[in-house]
Each structure stands twice: as structure tokens, then as C-alpha cells.
Amino acid sequence: MPKYHVRFLKGPNMTLRLYHEAIEEADSFEEVLKRHTDWPIQVAWDDRAATAWNPGTSMYYQEMWEAALVPDSAHLPLVGAWKQGE
């Protein structure tokens, strides 16, 4: 079963903050993101990532769930590898 690096970010565009981060297993991006939200899901053209953005936010303030496919060759743990502002 595929693994996904799932994150929840929110805040003003230039200072988004990470509020949740986990590695989860699911059959699809839709399945893993629907565990957390009912916002519309957009899958990237290369099928390696997907986002679910809060449709009630503006271009200046965002709330979003993000999932990235974890390749089989990845060295876990990826959780905590994302750093604010980099």
C-alpha cells in the first residue's frame, strides 16, 4: 500500500505554519486526504502530490492539507524533515 507524507499548513501566505505532519498509508490521495477534510482535492499533474485547500480562505490567508507520495526508496522518518521558512 502506498505511503503519503501528510501535512496541514495555515496562516498568511508568507508565514505559513505547519500544524500537523504524519506518514500514512492509503490506496489514493483522495482516501488519505478525506480522512482529514472534505475540502476539494487537486492532484498534481505528475501524480506525486495533492492538496486540499479551504475554499473559504483568500489569497492572503491559506489553510490546506497536503499529501506527497513517499517513494519506496525514501529514508524514513520524513516527519520533522520539513523546516519552516526553507
PDB file of N, CA and C in Angstrom:
ATOM      1  N   MET A   1       0.842  -1.171   0.000  1.00  0.00           N
ATOM      2  CA  MET A   1       0.000   0.000   0.000  1.00  0.00           C
ATOM      3  C   MET A   1       0.893   1.242   0.000  1.00  0.00           C
ATOM      4  N   PRO A   2       0.564   2.249  -0.831  1.00  0.00           N
ATOM      5  CA  PRO A   2       1.387   3.461  -0.897  1.00  0.00           C
ATOM      6  C   PRO A   2       1.388   4.233   0.424  1.00  0.00           C
ATOM      7  N   LYS A   3       2.501   4.930   0.661  1.00  0.00           N
ATOM      8  CA  LYS A   3       2.640   5.787   1.838  1.00  0.00           C
ATOM      9  C   LYS A   3       2.629   7.239   1.381  1.00  0.00           C
ATOM     10  N   TYR A   4       2.019   8.093   2.227  1.00  0.00           N
ATOM     11  CA  TYR A   4       1.909   9.514   1.927  1.00  0.00           C
ATOM     12  C   TYR A   4       2.420  10.339   3.106  1.00  0.00           C
ATOM     13  N   HIS A   5       3.149  11.387   2.791  1.00  0.00           N
ATOM     14  CA  HIS A   5       3.602  12.353   3.793  1.00  0.00           C
ATOM     15  C   HIS A   5       2.518  13.427   3.836  1.00  0.00           C
ATOM     16  N   VAL A   6       1.749  13.474   4.915  1.00  0.00           N
ATOM     17  CA  VAL A   6       0.585  14.346   5.034  1.00  0.00           C
ATOM     18  C   VAL A   6       0.909  15.501   5.977  1.00  0.00           C
ATOM     19  N   ARG A   7       0.539  16.723   5.546  1.00  0.00           N
ATOM     20  CA  ARG A   7       0.797  17.921   6.349  1.00  0.00           C
ATOM     21  C   ARG A   7      -0.423  18.839   6.320  1.00  0.00           C
ATOM     22  N   PHE A   8      -0.627  19.595   7.403  1.00  0.00           N
ATOM     23  CA  PHE A   8      -1.625  20.658   7.432  1.00  0.00           C
ATOM     24  C   PHE A   8      -0.906  21.959   7.705  1.00  0.00           C
ATOM     25  N   LEU A   9      -1.111  22.938   6.809  1.00  0.00           N
ATOM     26  CA  LEU A   9      -0.474  24.243   6.934  1.00  0.00           C
ATOM     27  C   LEU A   9      -1.544  25.318   6.927  1.00  0.00           C
ATOM     28  N   LYS A  10      -1.293  26.396   7.668  1.00  0.00           N
ATOM     29  CA  LYS A  10      -2.208  27.530   7.612  1.00  0.00           C
ATOM     30  C   LYS A  10      -1.486  28.793   8.029  1.00  0.00           C
ATOM     31  N   GLY A  11      -2.071  29.928   7.633  1.00  0.00           N
ATOM     32  CA  GLY A  11      -1.530  31.219   8.009  1.00  0.00           C
ATOM     33  C   GLY A  11      -1.437  32.162   6.829  1.00  0.00           C
ATOM     34  N   PRO A  12      -0.917  33.369   7.069  1.00  0.00           N
ATOM     35  CA  PRO A  12      -0.676  34.309   5.970  1.00  0.00           C
ATOM     36  C   PRO A  12       0.324  33.695   4.980  1.00  0.00           C
ATOM     37  N   ASN A  13       0.167  34.022   3.718  1.00  0.00           N
ATOM     38  CA  ASN A  13       0.963  33.383   2.663  1.00  0.00           C
ATOM     39  C   ASN A  13       2.461  33.355   2.919  1.00  0.00           C
ATOM     40  N   MET A  14       3.023  34.428   3.381  1.00  0.00           N
ATOM     41  CA  MET A  14       4.480  34.479   3.548  1.00  0.00           C
ATOM     42  C   MET A  14       4.959  33.829   4.843  1.00  0.00           C
ATOM     43  N   THR A  15       4.035  33.460   5.728  1.00  0.00           N
ATOM     44  CA  THR A  15       4.433  32.852   7.001  1.00  0.00           C
ATOM     45  C   THR A  15       3.555  31.650   7.337  1.00  0.00           C
ATOM     46  N   LEU A  16       3.359  30.761   6.386  1.00  0.00           N
ATOM     47  CA  LEU A  16       2.593  29.551   6.657  1.00  0.00           C
ATOM     48  C   LEU A  16       3.252  28.757   7.770  1.00  0.00           C
ATOM     49  N   ARG A  17       2.435  28.161   8.617  1.00  0.00           N
ATOM     50  CA  ARG A  17       2.952  27.333   9.718  1.00  0.00           C
ATOM     51  C   ARG A  17       2.440  25.916   9.577  1.00  0.00           C
ATOM     52  N   LEU A  18       3.282  24.993   9.991  1.00  0.00           N
ATOM     53  CA  LEU A  18       2.959  23.571   9.960  1.00  0.00           C
ATOM     54  C   LEU A  18       2.276  23.193  11.271  1.00  0.00           C
ATOM     55  N   TYR A  19       1.060  22.608  11.174  1.00  0.00           N
ATOM     56  CA  TYR A  19       0.293  22.236  12.364  1.00  0.00           C
ATOM     57  C   TYR A  19       0.145  20.733  12.530  1.00  0.00           C
ATOM     58  N   HIS A  20       0.294  19.983  11.470  1.00  0.00           N
ATOM     59  CA  HIS A  20       0.153  18.527  11.546  1.00  0.00           C
ATOM     60  C   HIS A  20       1.065  17.920  10.493  1.00  0.00           C
ATOM     61  N   GLU A  21       1.694  16.805  10.859  1.00  0.00           N
ATOM     62  CA  GLU A  21       2.574  16.110   9.923  1.00  0.00           C
ATOM     63  C   GLU A  21       2.592  14.639  10.296  1.00  0.00           C
ATOM     64  N   ALA A  22       2.429  13.754   9.304  1.00  0.00           N
ATOM     65  CA  ALA A  22       2.412  12.308   9.569  1.00  0.00           C
ATOM     66  C   ALA A  22       2.686  11.543   8.285  1.00  0.00           C
ATOM     67  N   ILE A  23       3.111  10.304   8.436  1.00  0.00           N
ATOM     68  CA  ILE A  23       3.210   9.362   7.321  1.00  0.00           C
ATOM     69  C   ILE A  23       2.023   8.421   7.457  1.00  0.00           C
ATOM     70  N   GLU A  24       1.217   8.323   6.398  1.00  0.00           N
ATOM     71  CA  GLU A  24       0.010   7.496   6.430  1.00  0.00           C
ATOM     72  C   GLU A  24      -0.050   6.607   5.200  1.00  0.00           C
ATOM     73  N   GLU A  25      -0.661   5.448   5.357  1.00  0.00           N
ATOM     74  CA  GLU A  25      -0.875   4.532   4.238  1.00  0.00           C
ATOM     75  C   GLU A  25      -2.308   4.657   3.748  1.00  0.00           C
ATOM     76  N   ALA A  26      -2.479   4.607   2.424  1.00  0.00           N
ATOM     77  CA  ALA A  26      -3.804   4.660   1.811  1.00  0.00           C
ATOM     78  C   ALA A  26      -3.680   4.197   0.369  1.00  0.00           C
ATOM     79  N   ASP A  27      -4.816   3.916  -0.251  1.00  0.00           N
ATOM     80  CA  ASP A  27      -4.814   3.484  -1.647  1.00  0.00           C
ATOM     81  C   ASP A  27      -4.713   4.648  -2.626  1.00  0.00           C
ATOM     82  N   SER A  28      -5.041   5.873  -2.177  1.00  0.00           N
ATOM     83  CA  SER A  28      -5.022   7.021  -3.089  1.00  0.00           C
ATOM     84  C   SER A  28      -4.874   8.320  -2.304  1.00  0.00           C
ATOM     85  N   PHE A  29      -4.576   9.402  -3.038  1.00  0.00           N
ATOM     86  CA  PHE A  29      -4.524  10.729  -2.429  1.00  0.00           C
ATOM     87  C   PHE A  29      -5.885  11.088  -1.837  1.00  0.00           C
ATOM     88  N   GLU A  30      -6.940  10.789  -2.593  1.00  0.00           N
ATOM     89  CA  GLU A  30      -8.283  11.120  -2.131  1.00  0.00           C
ATOM     90  C   GLU A  30      -8.591  10.433  -0.799  1.00  0.00           C
ATOM     91  N   GLU A  31      -8.237   9.156  -0.692  1.00  0.00           N
ATOM     92  CA  GLU A  31      -8.512   8.420   0.542  1.00  0.00           C
ATOM     93  C   GLU A  31      -7.771   9.024   1.732  1.00  0.00           C
ATOM     94  N   VAL A  32      -6.503   9.329   1.559  1.00  0.00           N
ATOM     95  CA  VAL A  32      -5.721   9.850   2.690  1.00  0.00           C
ATOM     96  C   VAL A  32      -6.170  11.258   3.074  1.00  0.00           C
ATOM     97  N   LEU A  33      -6.494  12.113   2.108  1.00  0.00           N
ATOM     98  CA  LEU A  33      -6.909  13.472   2.443  1.00  0.00           C
ATOM     99  C   LEU A  33      -8.330  13.527   2.987  1.00  0.00           C
ATOM    100  N   LYS A  34      -9.211  12.643   2.534  1.00  0.00           N
ATOM    101  CA  LYS A  34     -10.594  12.629   3.042  1.00  0.00           C
ATOM    102  C   LYS A  34     -10.667  12.192   4.501  1.00  0.00           C
ATOM    103  N   ARG A  35      -9.616  11.595   5.024  1.00  0.00           N
ATOM    104  CA  ARG A  35      -9.565  11.293   6.457  1.00  0.00           C
ATOM    105  C   ARG A  35      -9.516  12.561   7.292  1.00  0.00           C
ATOM    106  N   HIS A  36      -9.032  13.655   6.688  1.00  0.00           N
ATOM    107  CA  HIS A  36      -8.786  14.889   7.420  1.00  0.00           C
ATOM    108  C   HIS A  36      -9.732  16.035   7.048  1.00  0.00           C
ATOM    109  N   THR A  37     -10.281  16.018   5.839  1.00  0.00           N
ATOM    110  CA  THR A  37     -11.063  17.170   5.384  1.00  0.00           C
ATOM    111  C   THR A  37     -12.046  16.771   4.289  1.00  0.00           C
ATOM    112  N   ASP A  38     -13.023  17.634   4.068  1.00  0.00           N
ATOM    113  CA  ASP A  38     -13.942  17.447   2.938  1.00  0.00           C
ATOM    114  C   ASP A  38     -13.760  18.549   1.890  1.00  0.00           C
ATOM    115  N   TRP A  39     -12.677  19.320   2.000  1.00  0.00           N
ATOM    116  CA  TRP A  39     -12.375  20.349   1.007  1.00  0.00           C
ATOM    117  C   TRP A  39     -12.059  19.704  -0.340  1.00  0.00           C
ATOM    118  N   PRO A  40     -12.236  20.449  -1.448  1.00  0.00           N
ATOM    119  CA  PRO A  40     -11.914  19.906  -2.777  1.00  0.00           C
ATOM    120  C   PRO A  40     -10.436  19.519  -2.890  1.00  0.00           C
ATOM    121  N   ILE A  41     -10.170  18.388  -3.519  1.00  0.00           N
ATOM    122  CA  ILE A  41      -8.817  17.848  -3.648  1.00  0.00           C
ATOM    123  C   ILE A  41      -8.323  18.035  -5.073  1.00  0.00           C
ATOM    124  N   GLN A  42      -7.104  18.536  -5.209  1.00  0.00           N
ATOM    125  CA  GLN A  42      -6.446  18.700  -6.504  1.00  0.00           C
ATOM    126  C   GLN A  42      -5.187  17.850  -6.516  1.00  0.00           C
ATOM    127  N   VAL A  43      -5.084  16.937  -7.488  1.00  0.00           N
ATOM    128  CA  VAL A  43      -3.907  16.082  -7.627  1.00  0.00           C
ATOM    129  C   VAL A  43      -2.985  16.705  -8.673  1.00  0.00           C
ATOM    130  N   ALA A  44      -1.692  16.757  -8.388  1.00  0.00           N
ATOM    131  CA  ALA A  44      -0.708  17.330  -9.317  1.00  0.00           C
ATOM    132  C   ALA A  44      -0.656  16.532 -10.614  1.00  0.00           C
ATOM    133  N   TRP A  45      -0.209  17.174 -11.665  1.00  0.00           N
ATOM    134  CA  TRP A  45      -0.169  16.552 -12.995  1.00  0.00           C
ATOM    135  C   TRP A  45       0.702  15.307 -13.024  1.00  0.00           C
ATOM    136  N   ASP A  46       1.719  15.222 -12.169  1.00  0.00           N
ATOM    137  CA  ASP A  46       2.620  14.074 -12.181  1.00  0.00           C
ATOM    138  C   ASP A  46       2.225  12.982 -11.174  1.00  0.00           C
ATOM    139  N   ASP A  47       1.086  13.154 -10.506  1.00  0.00           N
ATOM    140  CA  ASP A  47       0.560  12.179  -9.534  1.00  0.00           C
ATOM    141  C   ASP A  47       1.513  11.903  -8.376  1.00  0.00           C
ATOM    142  N   ARG A  48       2.301  12.892  -7.982  1.00  0.00           N
ATOM    143  CA  ARG A  48       3.215  12.723  -6.849  1.00  0.00           C
ATOM    144  C   ARG A  48       2.778  13.492  -5.614  1.00  0.00           C
ATOM    145  N   ALA A  49       1.809  14.397  -5.775  1.00  0.00           N
ATOM    146  CA  ALA A  49       1.342  15.204  -4.655  1.00  0.00           C
ATOM    147  C   ALA A  49      -0.094  15.638  -4.891  1.00  0.00           C
ATOM    148  N   ALA A  50      -0.754  16.025  -3.810  1.00  0.00           N
ATOM    149  CA  ALA A  50      -2.122  16.537  -3.894  1.00  0.00           C
ATOM    150  C   ALA A  50      -2.339  17.516  -2.751  1.00  0.00           C
ATOM    151  N   THR A  51      -3.282  18.446  -2.956  1.00  0.00           N
ATOM    152  CA  THR A  51      -3.632  19.401  -1.914  1.00  0.00           C
ATOM    153  C   THR A  51      -5.144  19.482  -1.781  1.00  0.00           C
ATOM    154  N   ALA A  52      -5.579  19.867  -0.599  1.00  0.00           N
ATOM    155  CA  ALA A  52      -6.986  20.176  -0.335  1.00  0.00           C
ATOM    156  C   ALA A  52      -6.992  21.536   0.352  1.00  0.00           C
ATOM    157  N   TRP A  53      -7.412  22.560  -0.381  1.00  0.00           N
ATOM    158  CA  TRP A  53      -7.407  23.938   0.119  1.00  0.00           C
ATOM    159  C   TRP A  53      -8.778  24.300   0.657  1.00  0.00           C
ATOM    160  N   ASN A  54      -8.807  25.053   1.736  1.00  0.00           N
ATOM    161  CA  ASN A  54     -10.063  25.558   2.271  1.00  0.00           C
ATOM    162  C   ASN A  54     -10.619  26.575   1.289  1.00  0.00           C
ATOM    163  N   PRO A  55     -11.783  26.305   0.677  1.00  0.00           N
ATOM    164  CA  PRO A  55     -12.317  27.243  -0.316  1.00  0.00           C
ATOM    165  C   PRO A  55     -12.782  28.562   0.286  1.00  0.00           C
ATOM    166  N   GLY A  56     -12.862  28.646   1.613  1.00  0.00           N
ATOM    167  CA  GLY A  56     -13.285  29.879   2.268  1.00  0.00           C
ATOM    168  C   GLY A  56     -12.149  30.828   2.583  1.00  0.00           C
ATOM    169  N   THR A  57     -10.922  30.491   2.210  1.00  0.00           N
ATOM    170  CA  THR A  57      -9.790  31.370   2.504  1.00  0.00           C
ATOM    171  C   THR A  57      -9.491  32.260   1.298  1.00  0.00           C
ATOM    172  N   SER A  58      -8.694  33.281   1.526  1.00  0.00           N
ATOM    173  CA  SER A  58      -8.350  34.216   0.458  1.00  0.00           C
ATOM    174  C   SER A  58      -6.936  33.945  -0.034  1.00  0.00           C
ATOM    175  N   MET A  59      -6.488  34.736  -0.987  1.00  0.00           N
ATOM    176  CA  MET A  59      -5.119  34.561  -1.483  1.00  0.00           C
ATOM    177  C   MET A  59      -4.090  35.050  -0.467  1.00  0.00           C
ATOM    178  N   TYR A  60      -4.523  35.755   0.572  1.00  0.00           N
ATOM    179  CA  TYR A  60      -3.608  36.271   1.587  1.00  0.00           C
ATOM    180  C   TYR A  60      -3.531  35.392   2.828  1.00  0.00           C
ATOM    181  N   TYR A  61      -4.547  34.567   3.061  1.00  0.00           N
ATOM    182  CA  TYR A  61      -4.561  33.664   4.206  1.00  0.00           C
ATOM    183  C   TYR A  61      -4.987  32.290   3.703  1.00  0.00           C
ATOM    184  N   GLN A  62      -4.199  31.275   4.001  1.00  0.00           N
ATOM    185  CA  GLN A  62      -4.453  29.932   3.466  1.00  0.00           C
ATOM    186  C   GLN A  62      -4.596  28.903   4.577  1.00  0.00           C
ATOM    187  N   GLU A  63      -5.400  27.892   4.309  1.00  0.00           N
ATOM    188  CA  GLU A  63      -5.478  26.683   5.121  1.00  0.00           C
ATOM    189  C   GLU A  63      -5.490  25.523   4.136  1.00  0.00           C
ATOM    190  N   MET A  64      -4.591  24.574   4.298  1.00  0.00           N
ATOM    191  CA  MET A  64      -4.524  23.489   3.325  1.00  0.00           C
ATOM    192  C   MET A  64      -3.972  22.208   3.931  1.00  0.00           C
ATOM    193  N   TRP A  65      -4.466  21.106   3.411  1.00  0.00           N
ATOM    194  CA  TRP A  65      -3.886  19.787   3.649  1.00  0.00           C
ATOM    195  C   TRP A  65      -3.073  19.449   2.421  1.00  0.00           C
ATOM    196  N   GLU A  66      -1.940  18.837   2.618  1.00  0.00           N
ATOM    197  CA  GLU A  66      -1.052  18.477   1.524  1.00  0.00           C
ATOM    198  C   GLU A  66      -0.610  17.034   1.733  1.00  0.00           C
ATOM    199  N   ALA A  67      -0.565  16.270   0.652  1.00  0.00           N
ATOM    200  CA  ALA A  67      -0.077  14.893   0.722  1.00  0.00           C
ATOM    201  C   ALA A  67       0.912  14.672  -0.408  1.00  0.00           C
ATOM    202  N   ALA A  68       2.057  14.084  -0.083  1.00  0.00           N
ATOM    203  CA  ALA A  68       3.078  13.772  -1.082  1.00  0.00           C
ATOM    204  C   ALA A  68       3.352  12.273  -1.031  1.00  0.00           C
ATOM    205  N   LEU A  69       3.410  11.668  -2.193  1.00  0.00           N
ATOM    206  CA  LEU A  69       3.703  10.244  -2.277  1.00  0.00           C
ATOM    207  C   LEU A  69       5.125   9.988  -1.799  1.00  0.00           C
ATOM    208  N   VAL A  70       5.280   9.046  -0.898  1.00  0.00           N
ATOM    209  CA  VAL A  70       6.603   8.699  -0.376  1.00  0.00           C
ATOM    210  C   VAL A  70       7.155   7.562  -1.231  1.00  0.00           C
ATOM    211  N   PRO A  71       8.251   7.781  -1.949  1.00  0.00           N
ATOM    212  CA  PRO A  71       8.818   6.711  -2.775  1.00  0.00           C
ATOM    213  C   PRO A  71       9.327   5.555  -1.918  1.00  0.00           C
ATOM    214  N   ASP A  72       9.315   4.368  -2.486  1.00  0.00           N
ATOM    215  CA  ASP A  72       9.789   3.188  -1.755  1.00  0.00           C
ATOM    216  C   ASP A  72      11.240   3.340  -1.300  1.00  0.00           C
ATOM    217  N   SER A  73      12.014   4.141  -2.030  1.00  0.00           N
ATOM    218  CA  SER A  73      13.434   4.306  -1.713  1.00  0.00           C
ATOM    219  C   SER A  73      13.691   5.383  -0.654  1.00  0.00           C
ATOM    220  N   ALA A  74      12.645   6.044  -0.160  1.00  0.00           N
ATOM    221  CA  ALA A  74      12.820   7.129   0.809  1.00  0.00           C
ATOM    222  C   ALA A  74      13.325   6.598   2.144  1.00  0.00           C
ATOM    223  N   HIS A  75      14.153   7.385   2.770  1.00  0.00           N
ATOM    224  CA  HIS A  75      14.671   7.035   4.093  1.00  0.00           C
ATOM    225  C   HIS A  75      13.764   7.664   5.149  1.00  0.00           C
ATOM    226  N   LEU A  76      13.003   6.835   5.822  1.00  0.00           N
ATOM    227  CA  LEU A  76      12.100   7.334   6.854  1.00  0.00           C
ATOM    228  C   LEU A  76      12.874   7.504   8.155  1.00  0.00           C
ATOM    229  N   PRO A  77      12.534   8.381   9.053  1.00  0.00           N
ATOM    230  CA  PRO A  77      11.300   9.151   9.052  1.00  0.00           C
ATOM    231  C   PRO A  77      11.438  10.468   8.293  1.00  0.00           C
ATOM    232  N   LEU A  78      10.426  10.806   7.523  1.00  0.00           N
ATOM    233  CA  LEU A  78      10.366  12.100   6.872  1.00  0.00           C
ATOM    234  C   LEU A  78       9.710  13.135   7.774  1.00  0.00           C
ATOM    235  N   VAL A  79       8.945  12.676   8.742  1.00  0.00           N
ATOM    236  CA  VAL A  79       8.256  13.582   9.646  1.00  0.00           C
ATOM    237  C   VAL A  79       9.301  14.401  10.399  1.00  0.00           C
ATOM    238  N   GLY A  80       9.089  15.704  10.405  1.00  0.00           N
ATOM    239  CA  GLY A  80      10.032  16.608  11.040  1.00  0.00           C
ATOM    240  C   GLY A  80      11.123  17.105  10.095  1.00  0.00           C
ATOM    241  N   ALA A  81      11.173  16.576   8.867  1.00  0.00           N
ATOM    242  CA  ALA A  81      12.209  16.977   7.921  1.00  0.00           C
ATOM    243  C   ALA A  81      11.892  18.333   7.296  1.00  0.00           C
ATOM    244  N   TRP A  82      10.608  18.710   7.246  1.00  0.00           N
ATOM    245  CA  TRP A  82      10.220  19.986   6.670  1.00  0.00           C
ATOM    246  C   TRP A  82      10.485  21.074   7.680  1.00  0.00           C
ATOM    247  N   LYS A  83      11.160  22.142   7.255  1.00  0.00           N
ATOM    248  CA  LYS A  83      11.511  23.215   8.178  1.00  0.00           C
ATOM    249  C   LYS A  83      10.820  24.503   7.741  1.00  0.00           C
ATOM    250  N   GLN A  84      10.278  25.217   8.698  1.00  0.00           N
ATOM    251  CA  GLN A  84       9.595  26.468   8.429  1.00  0.00           C
ATOM    252  C   GLN A  84      10.539  27.452   7.757  1.00  0.00           C
ATOM    253  N   GLY A  85      10.071  28.044   6.648  1.00  0.00           N
ATOM    254  CA  GLY A  85      10.814  29.103   6.008  1.00  0.00           C
ATOM    255  C   GLY A  85      11.911  28.686   5.070  1.00  0.00           C
ATOM    256  N   GLU A  86      12.079  27.404   4.799  1.00  0.00           N
ATOM    257  CA  GLU A  86      13.145  26.981   3.879  1.00  0.00           C
ATOM    258  C   GLU A  86      12.571  26.489   2.578  1.00  0.00           C
TER     259      GLU A  86
END
